[in-house]
Every structure is written in C-alpha cells, then in structure tokens.
Amino acid sequence: MQYIITYSKARHWYVRLMSDMTLKLTIPHKKAGDKNFEKILIEKWLELIEKYKKRNIVKFETITKDYVIVFWEKINFSKINWDINKYLKEIFIIESTKYLDKYSSFLGINYNKLSVRKLKSKWGSCSHTNNISLNLNLIHLDKKFLEYVVVHEICHLKEKNHSKNFWNLVFTFYPDYKEIRKELKKISL
C-alpha cells in the first residue's frame, strides 16, 4: 500500500484513505521523524482496511441508461421528461420535507434550512444553527432510511451530540434505529 505523510500544526494525527487507495497520514510536528509512531499508524490502518474488505457491503446501480431507482422502485427514463438530477432533487425535497415537518413539530423545534446534495461520507448532518443537510443518495433507498436519517438529524436540534439523551430521543421516534443503522452501514452507492 502506498502512503503519503504530511506534518501539520494539528494536535492530533489524522488518517484518510484516498479514492486511489493511497493512505494519507497527517501527523503533528512534535511527532515528526518518529518512525515507530508512523509504523504503528500504518499497521493499524492496514488492519482496519482488511476488516472493511471483509464486511458484507451491498452495492447496486442506482442509475442506468434505462432506469433510475427512486425510493426502491425502478422508474423508466421514458417517464421522466426533464433533467434527471433536477427530477430526483425535487422528489427528494418533497419527501424529506414531510418527515422534517412531522418530527420537528413533535419536538416543538423548527429547523432553519434544508440543503440537499450528494455527500460522500455521511447520510445527513445538522449544524449548530439548525440547518439540516441530507444526502441525495437516500432517494435510491427504501423510505425507512430517509425517515431514520431525518429523525436522527431532527433529534440533533435538541441534543447537539450523540449522548445517551440523544439516543433515547431517537428511540422515542424510531425504536428500530439500531437495525436501520446497521443496514445503512452495509450500503454503498
């Protein structure tokens, strides 16, 4: 495996696996030249990569030349008479807004703004200013995944971290959240 080491003013080390499978290590200046430290980091990440490869990841095509998958259903392109990305985003905003409005009203807290885009590493996020961002790729999955992600992010309006109180709140709205989380971790689009 190839790896790149950079040094920074950061207090902590960071490791990223790049899309070309190159390992990028960012190490604090105080650890510069510590070959043993670098060796340990690389070994740990190689172990994690092997574990990741063994996970049972589900992959499927969401858009082909003939169809697009929208909330677990195949839609033929012949039924779509405009830009596919615009079409997907419009449907997604309509569906996600239903869940956002429903659960934010249950909590009695409003979200500020919804943004929808294709995210690489997460299904959703909630900012400290109560802006919610959702991954457009959720449109290709069963609606239960969208509902769970919305519940998760809406609960962050009240609890800004993943504390016990946060998970208890998620449980009140979505008791099956643990199973859904496991399923989401196995999906790669």
N, C-alpha and C. Protein backbone atom coordinates (compact mmCIF):
# COMPACT_ATOMS: atom_id res chain seq x y z
N MET A 1 0.85 -1.20 0.00
CA MET A 1 0.00 0.00 0.00
C MET A 1 0.88 1.24 0.00
N GLN A 2 0.48 2.22 -0.81
CA GLN A 2 1.21 3.48 -0.85
C GLN A 2 0.65 4.41 0.22
N TYR A 3 1.52 5.25 0.76
CA TYR A 3 1.04 6.23 1.72
C TYR A 3 1.85 7.51 1.60
N ILE A 4 1.19 8.59 2.02
CA ILE A 4 1.79 9.92 1.99
C ILE A 4 1.76 10.44 3.41
N ILE A 5 2.86 11.01 3.86
CA ILE A 5 2.90 11.59 5.20
C ILE A 5 3.09 13.09 5.08
N THR A 6 2.22 13.84 5.77
CA THR A 6 2.38 15.28 5.86
C THR A 6 2.40 15.65 7.34
N TYR A 7 3.07 16.72 7.65
CA TYR A 7 3.16 17.18 9.04
C TYR A 7 2.42 18.50 9.16
N SER A 8 1.74 18.69 10.29
CA SER A 8 0.97 19.92 10.47
C SER A 8 1.05 20.39 11.91
N LYS A 9 0.45 21.55 12.14
CA LYS A 9 0.40 22.12 13.48
C LYS A 9 -0.69 21.48 14.34
N ALA A 10 -1.43 20.56 13.75
CA ALA A 10 -2.54 19.91 14.46
C ALA A 10 -2.02 19.20 15.71
N ARG A 11 -2.89 19.09 16.71
CA ARG A 11 -2.52 18.39 17.94
C ARG A 11 -2.63 16.89 17.80
N HIS A 12 -3.53 16.46 16.90
CA HIS A 12 -3.80 15.04 16.75
C HIS A 12 -3.44 14.58 15.35
N TRP A 13 -3.27 13.28 15.20
CA TRP A 13 -2.97 12.72 13.90
C TRP A 13 -4.28 12.38 13.19
N TYR A 14 -4.23 12.35 11.88
CA TYR A 14 -5.38 12.01 11.06
C TYR A 14 -4.94 11.05 9.97
N VAL A 15 -5.82 10.15 9.62
CA VAL A 15 -5.53 9.22 8.53
C VAL A 15 -6.73 9.24 7.60
N ARG A 16 -6.44 9.34 6.30
CA ARG A 16 -7.50 9.30 5.30
C ARG A 16 -7.13 8.28 4.25
N LEU A 17 -8.11 7.52 3.84
CA LEU A 17 -7.91 6.60 2.73
C LEU A 17 -8.46 7.30 1.49
N MET A 18 -7.57 7.61 0.57
CA MET A 18 -7.95 8.35 -0.63
C MET A 18 -8.63 7.40 -1.62
N SER A 19 -9.34 7.96 -2.60
CA SER A 19 -10.08 7.15 -3.55
C SER A 19 -9.19 6.21 -4.36
N ASP A 20 -7.91 6.58 -4.52
CA ASP A 20 -6.98 5.70 -5.24
C ASP A 20 -6.32 4.68 -4.31
N MET A 21 -6.88 4.53 -3.09
CA MET A 21 -6.42 3.61 -2.06
C MET A 21 -5.06 3.99 -1.48
N THR A 22 -4.63 5.23 -1.67
CA THR A 22 -3.43 5.74 -1.03
C THR A 22 -3.80 6.19 0.38
N LEU A 23 -2.96 5.86 1.33
CA LEU A 23 -3.19 6.25 2.72
C LEU A 23 -2.51 7.59 2.94
N LYS A 24 -3.25 8.58 3.44
CA LYS A 24 -2.67 9.89 3.71
C LYS A 24 -2.62 10.10 5.21
N LEU A 25 -1.42 10.20 5.77
CA LEU A 25 -1.22 10.40 7.20
C LEU A 25 -0.88 11.86 7.46
N THR A 26 -1.61 12.49 8.35
CA THR A 26 -1.27 13.84 8.79
C THR A 26 -0.85 13.73 10.24
N ILE A 27 0.39 14.09 10.50
CA ILE A 27 0.99 13.88 11.82
C ILE A 27 1.42 15.23 12.40
N PRO A 28 1.22 15.43 13.71
CA PRO A 28 1.68 16.68 14.34
C PRO A 28 3.21 16.83 14.22
N HIS A 29 3.67 18.07 14.14
CA HIS A 29 5.11 18.34 14.02
C HIS A 29 5.90 17.70 15.16
N LYS A 30 5.31 17.64 16.35
CA LYS A 30 6.04 17.09 17.50
C LYS A 30 6.37 15.61 17.33
N LYS A 31 5.66 14.92 16.40
CA LYS A 31 5.93 13.50 16.14
C LYS A 31 6.75 13.31 14.86
N ALA A 32 7.18 14.41 14.25
CA ALA A 32 7.96 14.33 13.00
C ALA A 32 9.22 13.50 13.23
N GLY A 33 9.44 12.57 12.33
CA GLY A 33 10.64 11.75 12.41
C GLY A 33 10.52 10.53 13.30
N ASP A 34 9.39 10.38 13.99
CA ASP A 34 9.18 9.22 14.86
C ASP A 34 8.70 8.06 13.99
N LYS A 35 9.66 7.29 13.47
CA LYS A 35 9.36 6.20 12.53
C LYS A 35 8.50 5.11 13.19
N ASN A 36 8.71 4.87 14.47
CA ASN A 36 7.92 3.86 15.18
C ASN A 36 6.44 4.26 15.22
N PHE A 37 6.19 5.55 15.49
CA PHE A 37 4.82 6.08 15.53
C PHE A 37 4.16 5.91 14.15
N GLU A 38 4.89 6.27 13.09
CA GLU A 38 4.37 6.13 11.73
C GLU A 38 4.07 4.67 11.41
N LYS A 39 4.97 3.78 11.80
CA LYS A 39 4.78 2.35 11.54
C LYS A 39 3.53 1.82 12.24
N ILE A 40 3.32 2.22 13.49
CA ILE A 40 2.14 1.77 14.25
C ILE A 40 0.86 2.27 13.58
N LEU A 41 0.83 3.54 13.15
CA LEU A 41 -0.34 4.09 12.47
C LEU A 41 -0.66 3.31 11.19
N ILE A 42 0.35 3.06 10.41
CA ILE A 42 0.14 2.35 9.14
C ILE A 42 -0.37 0.94 9.41
N GLU A 43 0.20 0.24 10.38
CA GLU A 43 -0.25 -1.13 10.71
C GLU A 43 -1.71 -1.13 11.16
N LYS A 44 -2.08 -0.17 12.01
CA LYS A 44 -3.46 -0.09 12.49
C LYS A 44 -4.42 0.12 11.34
N TRP A 45 -4.06 1.02 10.42
CA TRP A 45 -4.95 1.29 9.30
C TRP A 45 -5.01 0.14 8.31
N LEU A 46 -3.95 -0.58 8.15
CA LEU A 46 -3.99 -1.76 7.28
C LEU A 46 -4.93 -2.81 7.87
N GLU A 47 -4.91 -2.97 9.19
CA GLU A 47 -5.84 -3.88 9.85
C GLU A 47 -7.29 -3.46 9.61
N LEU A 48 -7.56 -2.15 9.75
CA LEU A 48 -8.91 -1.65 9.53
C LEU A 48 -9.37 -1.85 8.09
N ILE A 49 -8.48 -1.64 7.15
CA ILE A 49 -8.83 -1.83 5.74
C ILE A 49 -9.20 -3.29 5.49
N GLU A 50 -8.45 -4.22 6.07
CA GLU A 50 -8.77 -5.64 5.92
C GLU A 50 -10.14 -5.96 6.52
N LYS A 51 -10.44 -5.39 7.68
CA LYS A 51 -11.76 -5.60 8.30
C LYS A 51 -12.85 -5.04 7.40
N TYR A 52 -12.60 -3.87 6.81
CA TYR A 52 -13.57 -3.23 5.93
C TYR A 52 -13.84 -4.12 4.71
N LYS A 53 -12.80 -4.69 4.15
CA LYS A 53 -12.95 -5.55 2.98
C LYS A 53 -13.81 -6.77 3.29
N LYS A 54 -13.74 -7.27 4.53
CA LYS A 54 -14.48 -8.46 4.93
C LYS A 54 -15.95 -8.16 5.22
N ARG A 55 -16.28 -6.87 5.45
CA ARG A 55 -17.68 -6.52 5.71
C ARG A 55 -18.53 -6.85 4.50
N ASN A 56 -19.74 -7.20 4.76
CA ASN A 56 -20.66 -7.57 3.69
C ASN A 56 -21.34 -6.31 3.15
N ILE A 57 -20.67 -5.62 2.24
CA ILE A 57 -21.18 -4.37 1.68
C ILE A 57 -22.12 -4.67 0.52
N VAL A 58 -23.26 -4.04 0.53
CA VAL A 58 -24.24 -4.20 -0.55
C VAL A 58 -24.04 -3.06 -1.55
N LYS A 59 -23.80 -3.41 -2.79
CA LYS A 59 -23.64 -2.39 -3.83
C LYS A 59 -24.69 -2.64 -4.90
N PHE A 60 -25.25 -1.56 -5.42
CA PHE A 60 -26.19 -1.71 -6.52
C PHE A 60 -26.17 -0.46 -7.37
N GLU A 61 -26.60 -0.62 -8.61
CA GLU A 61 -26.64 0.51 -9.53
C GLU A 61 -27.93 1.30 -9.31
N THR A 62 -27.81 2.59 -9.16
CA THR A 62 -28.99 3.42 -8.90
C THR A 62 -29.49 4.09 -10.16
N ILE A 63 -28.59 4.33 -11.10
CA ILE A 63 -28.98 4.95 -12.37
C ILE A 63 -28.29 4.18 -13.49
N THR A 64 -29.07 3.73 -14.44
CA THR A 64 -28.51 3.07 -15.62
C THR A 64 -28.99 3.85 -16.84
N LYS A 65 -28.68 3.36 -18.01
CA LYS A 65 -29.14 4.07 -19.22
C LYS A 65 -30.64 3.94 -19.42
N ASP A 66 -31.27 2.95 -18.76
CA ASP A 66 -32.70 2.70 -18.95
C ASP A 66 -33.59 3.16 -17.79
N TYR A 67 -33.05 3.15 -16.59
CA TYR A 67 -33.90 3.44 -15.43
C TYR A 67 -33.12 4.12 -14.31
N VAL A 68 -33.88 4.63 -13.36
CA VAL A 68 -33.34 5.20 -12.12
C VAL A 68 -34.13 4.58 -10.97
N ILE A 69 -33.46 4.32 -9.87
CA ILE A 69 -34.16 3.79 -8.69
C ILE A 69 -34.54 4.97 -7.81
N VAL A 70 -35.85 5.09 -7.54
CA VAL A 70 -36.38 6.15 -6.68
C VAL A 70 -37.15 5.48 -5.55
N PHE A 71 -36.64 5.64 -4.35
CA PHE A 71 -37.22 5.01 -3.16
C PHE A 71 -37.56 3.55 -3.41
N TRP A 72 -36.53 2.84 -3.87
CA TRP A 72 -36.57 1.38 -4.01
C TRP A 72 -37.36 0.90 -5.21
N GLU A 73 -37.85 1.79 -6.07
CA GLU A 73 -38.61 1.40 -7.25
C GLU A 73 -37.87 1.84 -8.50
N LYS A 74 -37.92 0.97 -9.53
CA LYS A 74 -37.32 1.33 -10.82
C LYS A 74 -38.28 2.23 -11.57
N ILE A 75 -37.76 3.35 -12.05
CA ILE A 75 -38.54 4.28 -12.87
C ILE A 75 -37.86 4.34 -14.23
N ASN A 76 -38.60 4.04 -15.28
CA ASN A 76 -38.03 4.11 -16.63
C ASN A 76 -37.80 5.56 -17.03
N PHE A 77 -36.70 5.79 -17.73
CA PHE A 77 -36.39 7.14 -18.18
C PHE A 77 -37.46 7.70 -19.10
N SER A 78 -38.17 6.84 -19.79
CA SER A 78 -39.21 7.33 -20.70
C SER A 78 -40.31 8.08 -19.96
N LYS A 79 -40.46 7.81 -18.65
CA LYS A 79 -41.48 8.50 -17.85
C LYS A 79 -40.97 9.82 -17.29
N ILE A 80 -39.68 10.07 -17.46
CA ILE A 80 -39.08 11.30 -16.95
C ILE A 80 -38.74 12.18 -18.14
N ASN A 81 -39.36 13.33 -18.21
CA ASN A 81 -39.14 14.16 -19.39
C ASN A 81 -38.37 15.45 -19.08
N TRP A 82 -37.50 15.41 -18.07
CA TRP A 82 -36.60 16.54 -17.83
C TRP A 82 -35.33 16.06 -17.16
N ASP A 83 -34.48 16.96 -16.82
CA ASP A 83 -33.17 16.66 -16.24
C ASP A 83 -33.31 15.71 -15.05
N ILE A 84 -32.62 14.57 -15.11
CA ILE A 84 -32.75 13.52 -14.09
C ILE A 84 -32.34 14.02 -12.71
N ASN A 85 -31.28 14.81 -12.61
CA ASN A 85 -30.83 15.30 -11.30
C ASN A 85 -31.85 16.26 -10.70
N LYS A 86 -32.40 17.10 -11.53
CA LYS A 86 -33.44 18.03 -11.06
C LYS A 86 -34.66 17.25 -10.60
N TYR A 87 -35.04 16.25 -11.37
CA TYR A 87 -36.18 15.39 -11.05
C TYR A 87 -35.97 14.72 -9.68
N LEU A 88 -34.80 14.11 -9.49
CA LEU A 88 -34.51 13.42 -8.23
C LEU A 88 -34.51 14.38 -7.04
N LYS A 89 -33.92 15.53 -7.23
CA LYS A 89 -33.84 16.50 -6.13
C LYS A 89 -35.23 17.01 -5.74
N GLU A 90 -36.07 17.28 -6.73
CA GLU A 90 -37.42 17.77 -6.44
C GLU A 90 -38.23 16.74 -5.66
N ILE A 91 -38.19 15.50 -6.10
CA ILE A 91 -38.91 14.43 -5.39
C ILE A 91 -38.36 14.28 -3.97
N PHE A 92 -37.04 14.30 -3.85
CA PHE A 92 -36.39 14.12 -2.55
C PHE A 92 -36.78 15.23 -1.58
N ILE A 93 -36.78 16.46 -2.04
CA ILE A 93 -37.14 17.59 -1.17
C ILE A 93 -38.58 17.45 -0.68
N ILE A 94 -39.48 17.06 -1.57
CA ILE A 94 -40.89 16.88 -1.18
C ILE A 94 -41.01 15.82 -0.09
N GLU A 95 -40.39 14.67 -0.30
CA GLU A 95 -40.49 13.56 0.66
C GLU A 95 -39.78 13.88 1.98
N SER A 96 -38.60 14.43 1.91
CA SER A 96 -37.86 14.70 3.14
C SER A 96 -38.51 15.81 3.95
N THR A 97 -39.11 16.80 3.28
CA THR A 97 -39.79 17.88 3.99
C THR A 97 -40.98 17.35 4.79
N LYS A 98 -41.67 16.35 4.26
CA LYS A 98 -42.78 15.75 5.01
C LYS A 98 -42.29 15.22 6.35
N TYR A 99 -41.18 14.46 6.32
CA TYR A 99 -40.62 13.90 7.56
C TYR A 99 -40.06 14.99 8.46
N LEU A 100 -39.36 15.95 7.87
CA LEU A 100 -38.78 17.04 8.67
C LEU A 100 -39.86 17.82 9.41
N ASP A 101 -40.93 18.16 8.71
CA ASP A 101 -42.01 18.91 9.34
C ASP A 101 -42.70 18.09 10.43
N LYS A 102 -42.94 16.82 10.13
CA LYS A 102 -43.61 15.94 11.10
C LYS A 102 -42.81 15.84 12.41
N TYR A 103 -41.53 15.51 12.32
CA TYR A 103 -40.74 15.26 13.53
C TYR A 103 -40.31 16.55 14.23
N SER A 104 -40.10 17.61 13.48
CA SER A 104 -39.76 18.87 14.16
C SER A 104 -40.97 19.41 14.93
N SER A 105 -42.18 19.16 14.40
CA SER A 105 -43.38 19.60 15.14
C SER A 105 -43.58 18.75 16.39
N PHE A 106 -43.24 17.45 16.34
CA PHE A 106 -43.30 16.61 17.54
C PHE A 106 -42.39 17.17 18.63
N LEU A 107 -41.19 17.62 18.22
CA LEU A 107 -40.23 18.16 19.20
C LEU A 107 -40.53 19.60 19.57
N GLY A 108 -41.29 20.28 18.76
CA GLY A 108 -41.58 21.68 19.02
C GLY A 108 -40.40 22.59 18.73
N ILE A 109 -39.50 22.11 17.85
CA ILE A 109 -38.32 22.89 17.45
C ILE A 109 -38.27 22.91 15.93
N ASN A 110 -38.06 24.07 15.36
CA ASN A 110 -38.00 24.19 13.91
C ASN A 110 -36.57 24.11 13.40
N TYR A 111 -36.41 23.48 12.27
CA TYR A 111 -35.11 23.53 11.60
C TYR A 111 -35.07 24.82 10.80
N ASN A 112 -33.88 25.32 10.56
CA ASN A 112 -33.73 26.59 9.89
C ASN A 112 -33.84 26.44 8.37
N LYS A 113 -33.03 25.55 7.81
CA LYS A 113 -32.95 25.42 6.35
C LYS A 113 -32.59 23.98 6.00
N LEU A 114 -33.10 23.51 4.88
CA LEU A 114 -32.75 22.19 4.36
C LEU A 114 -31.86 22.36 3.14
N SER A 115 -30.74 21.65 3.13
CA SER A 115 -29.92 21.59 1.91
C SER A 115 -29.79 20.13 1.52
N VAL A 116 -29.83 19.90 0.23
CA VAL A 116 -29.77 18.55 -0.32
C VAL A 116 -28.62 18.49 -1.30
N ARG A 117 -27.73 17.55 -1.09
CA ARG A 117 -26.63 17.36 -2.03
C ARG A 117 -26.08 15.94 -1.87
N LYS A 118 -25.29 15.53 -2.82
CA LYS A 118 -24.68 14.21 -2.73
C LYS A 118 -23.46 14.32 -1.82
N LEU A 119 -23.53 13.62 -0.71
CA LEU A 119 -22.44 13.61 0.26
C LEU A 119 -21.66 12.31 0.11
N LYS A 120 -20.36 12.36 0.38
CA LYS A 120 -19.53 11.18 0.20
C LYS A 120 -19.45 10.31 1.44
N SER A 121 -19.50 10.92 2.61
CA SER A 121 -19.19 10.13 3.80
C SER A 121 -20.29 10.07 4.85
N LYS A 122 -21.40 10.76 4.64
CA LYS A 122 -22.48 10.68 5.63
C LYS A 122 -23.83 10.85 4.97
N TRP A 123 -24.84 10.40 5.69
CA TRP A 123 -26.21 10.45 5.16
C TRP A 123 -26.90 11.76 5.49
N GLY A 124 -26.44 12.45 6.52
CA GLY A 124 -27.04 13.73 6.88
C GLY A 124 -26.23 14.43 7.94
N SER A 125 -26.56 15.70 8.18
CA SER A 125 -25.91 16.45 9.24
C SER A 125 -26.83 17.58 9.70
N CYS A 126 -26.56 18.06 10.92
CA CYS A 126 -27.31 19.18 11.49
C CYS A 126 -26.29 20.16 12.06
N SER A 127 -26.37 21.40 11.64
CA SER A 127 -25.42 22.41 12.12
C SER A 127 -25.90 23.00 13.43
N HIS A 128 -25.02 23.74 14.07
CA HIS A 128 -25.39 24.41 15.32
C HIS A 128 -26.42 25.51 15.10
N THR A 129 -26.59 25.94 13.86
CA THR A 129 -27.61 26.95 13.55
C THR A 129 -28.90 26.30 13.05
N ASN A 130 -29.02 24.99 13.29
CA ASN A 130 -30.22 24.20 12.96
C ASN A 130 -30.49 24.08 11.46
N ASN A 131 -29.42 24.13 10.67
CA ASN A 131 -29.54 23.84 9.25
C ASN A 131 -29.35 22.33 9.07
N ILE A 132 -30.21 21.72 8.30
CA ILE A 132 -30.13 20.28 8.09
C ILE A 132 -29.71 20.01 6.65
N SER A 133 -28.75 19.12 6.51
CA SER A 133 -28.26 18.71 5.21
C SER A 133 -28.51 17.22 5.06
N LEU A 134 -29.09 16.82 3.93
CA LEU A 134 -29.38 15.42 3.67
C LEU A 134 -28.70 14.96 2.39
N ASN A 135 -28.28 13.71 2.38
CA ASN A 135 -27.61 13.12 1.24
C ASN A 135 -28.65 12.72 0.20
N LEU A 136 -28.54 13.28 -0.98
CA LEU A 136 -29.49 12.99 -2.06
C LEU A 136 -29.52 11.50 -2.42
N ASN A 137 -28.44 10.79 -2.14
CA ASN A 137 -28.40 9.36 -2.45
C ASN A 137 -29.43 8.55 -1.67
N LEU A 138 -29.98 9.12 -0.61
CA LEU A 138 -31.05 8.44 0.13
C LEU A 138 -32.27 8.20 -0.75
N ILE A 139 -32.40 8.95 -1.82
CA ILE A 139 -33.56 8.80 -2.71
C ILE A 139 -33.59 7.41 -3.36
N HIS A 140 -32.47 6.75 -3.43
CA HIS A 140 -32.42 5.44 -4.08
C HIS A 140 -32.78 4.30 -3.12
N LEU A 141 -32.90 4.60 -1.85
CA LEU A 141 -33.16 3.58 -0.83
C LEU A 141 -34.62 3.57 -0.42
N ASP A 142 -34.98 2.57 0.33
CA ASP A 142 -36.31 2.50 0.90
C ASP A 142 -36.56 3.74 1.76
N LYS A 143 -37.79 4.21 1.81
CA LYS A 143 -38.11 5.44 2.56
C LYS A 143 -37.81 5.32 4.05
N LYS A 144 -37.75 4.10 4.58
CA LYS A 144 -37.45 3.94 6.01
C LYS A 144 -36.08 4.51 6.34
N PHE A 145 -35.14 4.47 5.39
CA PHE A 145 -33.80 5.02 5.64
C PHE A 145 -33.85 6.55 5.69
N LEU A 146 -34.60 7.15 4.78
CA LEU A 146 -34.77 8.60 4.80
C LEU A 146 -35.42 9.02 6.11
N GLU A 147 -36.46 8.31 6.51
CA GLU A 147 -37.15 8.66 7.75
C GLU A 147 -36.20 8.57 8.94
N TYR A 148 -35.40 7.50 9.00
CA TYR A 148 -34.46 7.38 10.12
C TYR A 148 -33.45 8.53 10.12
N VAL A 149 -32.86 8.84 8.97
CA VAL A 149 -31.86 9.91 8.91
C VAL A 149 -32.48 11.24 9.32
N VAL A 150 -33.71 11.49 8.89
CA VAL A 150 -34.40 12.73 9.29
C VAL A 150 -34.61 12.74 10.79
N VAL A 151 -35.08 11.63 11.37
CA VAL A 151 -35.27 11.56 12.82
C VAL A 151 -33.95 11.85 13.53
N HIS A 152 -32.88 11.23 13.05
CA HIS A 152 -31.54 11.42 13.64
C HIS A 152 -31.16 12.90 13.65
N GLU A 153 -31.32 13.54 12.50
CA GLU A 153 -30.91 14.95 12.39
C GLU A 153 -31.86 15.87 13.16
N ILE A 154 -33.14 15.58 13.15
CA ILE A 154 -34.10 16.39 13.91
C ILE A 154 -33.80 16.31 15.41
N CYS A 155 -33.41 15.13 15.88
CA CYS A 155 -33.06 14.98 17.30
C CYS A 155 -31.83 15.82 17.66
N HIS A 156 -30.98 16.07 16.67
CA HIS A 156 -29.82 16.95 16.91
C HIS A 156 -30.25 18.41 17.13
N LEU A 157 -31.45 18.77 16.75
CA LEU A 157 -31.93 20.12 17.04
C LEU A 157 -32.03 20.33 18.55
N LYS A 158 -32.34 19.26 19.26
CA LYS A 158 -32.48 19.33 20.72
C LYS A 158 -31.20 18.91 21.43
N GLU A 159 -30.57 17.84 20.95
CA GLU A 159 -29.34 17.31 21.55
C GLU A 159 -28.24 17.37 20.49
N LYS A 160 -27.28 18.25 20.66
CA LYS A 160 -26.28 18.51 19.61
C LYS A 160 -25.17 17.46 19.52
N ASN A 161 -25.19 16.47 20.41
CA ASN A 161 -24.15 15.44 20.37
C ASN A 161 -24.80 14.06 20.39
N HIS A 162 -23.99 13.03 20.43
CA HIS A 162 -24.50 11.66 20.45
C HIS A 162 -24.49 11.11 21.88
N SER A 163 -25.04 11.87 22.80
CA SER A 163 -25.11 11.46 24.20
C SER A 163 -26.21 10.43 24.40
N LYS A 164 -26.29 9.91 25.60
CA LYS A 164 -27.35 8.96 25.93
C LYS A 164 -28.73 9.61 25.74
N ASN A 165 -28.85 10.89 26.12
CA ASN A 165 -30.12 11.61 25.94
C ASN A 165 -30.51 11.67 24.46
N PHE A 166 -29.51 11.88 23.60
CA PHE A 166 -29.77 11.93 22.16
C PHE A 166 -30.34 10.60 21.68
N TRP A 167 -29.68 9.49 22.02
CA TRP A 167 -30.13 8.18 21.55
C TRP A 167 -31.48 7.80 22.14
N ASN A 168 -31.74 8.23 23.37
CA ASN A 168 -33.07 7.99 23.97
C ASN A 168 -34.14 8.74 23.18
N LEU A 169 -33.82 9.95 22.76
CA LEU A 169 -34.75 10.75 21.97
C LEU A 169 -35.00 10.10 20.60
N VAL A 170 -33.94 9.64 19.95
CA VAL A 170 -34.08 8.93 18.68
C VAL A 170 -34.98 7.71 18.88
N PHE A 171 -34.75 6.98 19.96
CA PHE A 171 -35.52 5.77 20.25
C PHE A 171 -37.01 6.07 20.39
N THR A 172 -37.36 7.21 20.98
CA THR A 172 -38.77 7.53 21.16
C THR A 172 -39.49 7.69 19.82
N PHE A 173 -38.78 8.20 18.81
CA PHE A 173 -39.39 8.39 17.50
C PHE A 173 -39.17 7.20 16.56
N TYR A 174 -38.07 6.49 16.76
CA TYR A 174 -37.71 5.42 15.84
C TYR A 174 -37.09 4.26 16.63
N PRO A 175 -37.93 3.44 17.26
CA PRO A 175 -37.42 2.36 18.12
C PRO A 175 -36.50 1.35 17.40
N ASP A 176 -36.64 1.20 16.09
CA ASP A 176 -35.81 0.25 15.33
C ASP A 176 -34.52 0.87 14.81
N TYR A 177 -34.10 1.99 15.39
CA TYR A 177 -32.98 2.72 14.82
C TYR A 177 -31.69 1.89 14.75
N LYS A 178 -31.46 0.99 15.68
CA LYS A 178 -30.21 0.21 15.66
C LYS A 178 -30.14 -0.69 14.43
N GLU A 179 -31.25 -1.30 14.08
CA GLU A 179 -31.26 -2.17 12.89
C GLU A 179 -31.06 -1.36 11.62
N ILE A 180 -31.72 -0.20 11.55
CA ILE A 180 -31.59 0.66 10.37
C ILE A 180 -30.14 1.14 10.22
N ARG A 181 -29.52 1.53 11.32
CA ARG A 181 -28.12 1.97 11.28
C ARG A 181 -27.21 0.87 10.74
N LYS A 182 -27.44 -0.37 11.20
CA LYS A 182 -26.63 -1.49 10.71
C LYS A 182 -26.81 -1.68 9.22
N GLU A 183 -28.06 -1.58 8.76
CA GLU A 183 -28.32 -1.74 7.33
C GLU A 183 -27.66 -0.62 6.51
N LEU A 184 -27.74 0.61 7.00
CA LEU A 184 -27.15 1.74 6.29
C LEU A 184 -25.64 1.60 6.15
N LYS A 185 -25.00 1.04 7.18
CA LYS A 185 -23.55 0.87 7.13
C LYS A 185 -23.14 -0.14 6.07
N LYS A 186 -24.06 -0.99 5.64
CA LYS A 186 -23.74 -2.01 4.65
C LYS A 186 -24.05 -1.57 3.22
N ILE A 187 -24.54 -0.36 3.05
CA ILE A 187 -24.95 0.11 1.72
C ILE A 187 -23.88 1.02 1.13
N SER A 188 -23.51 0.73 -0.08
CA SER A 188 -22.57 1.57 -0.82
C SER A 188 -23.20 1.91 -2.16
N LEU A 189 -23.34 3.18 -2.44
CA LEU A 189 -23.96 3.60 -3.71
C LEU A 189 -22.90 3.95 -4.73
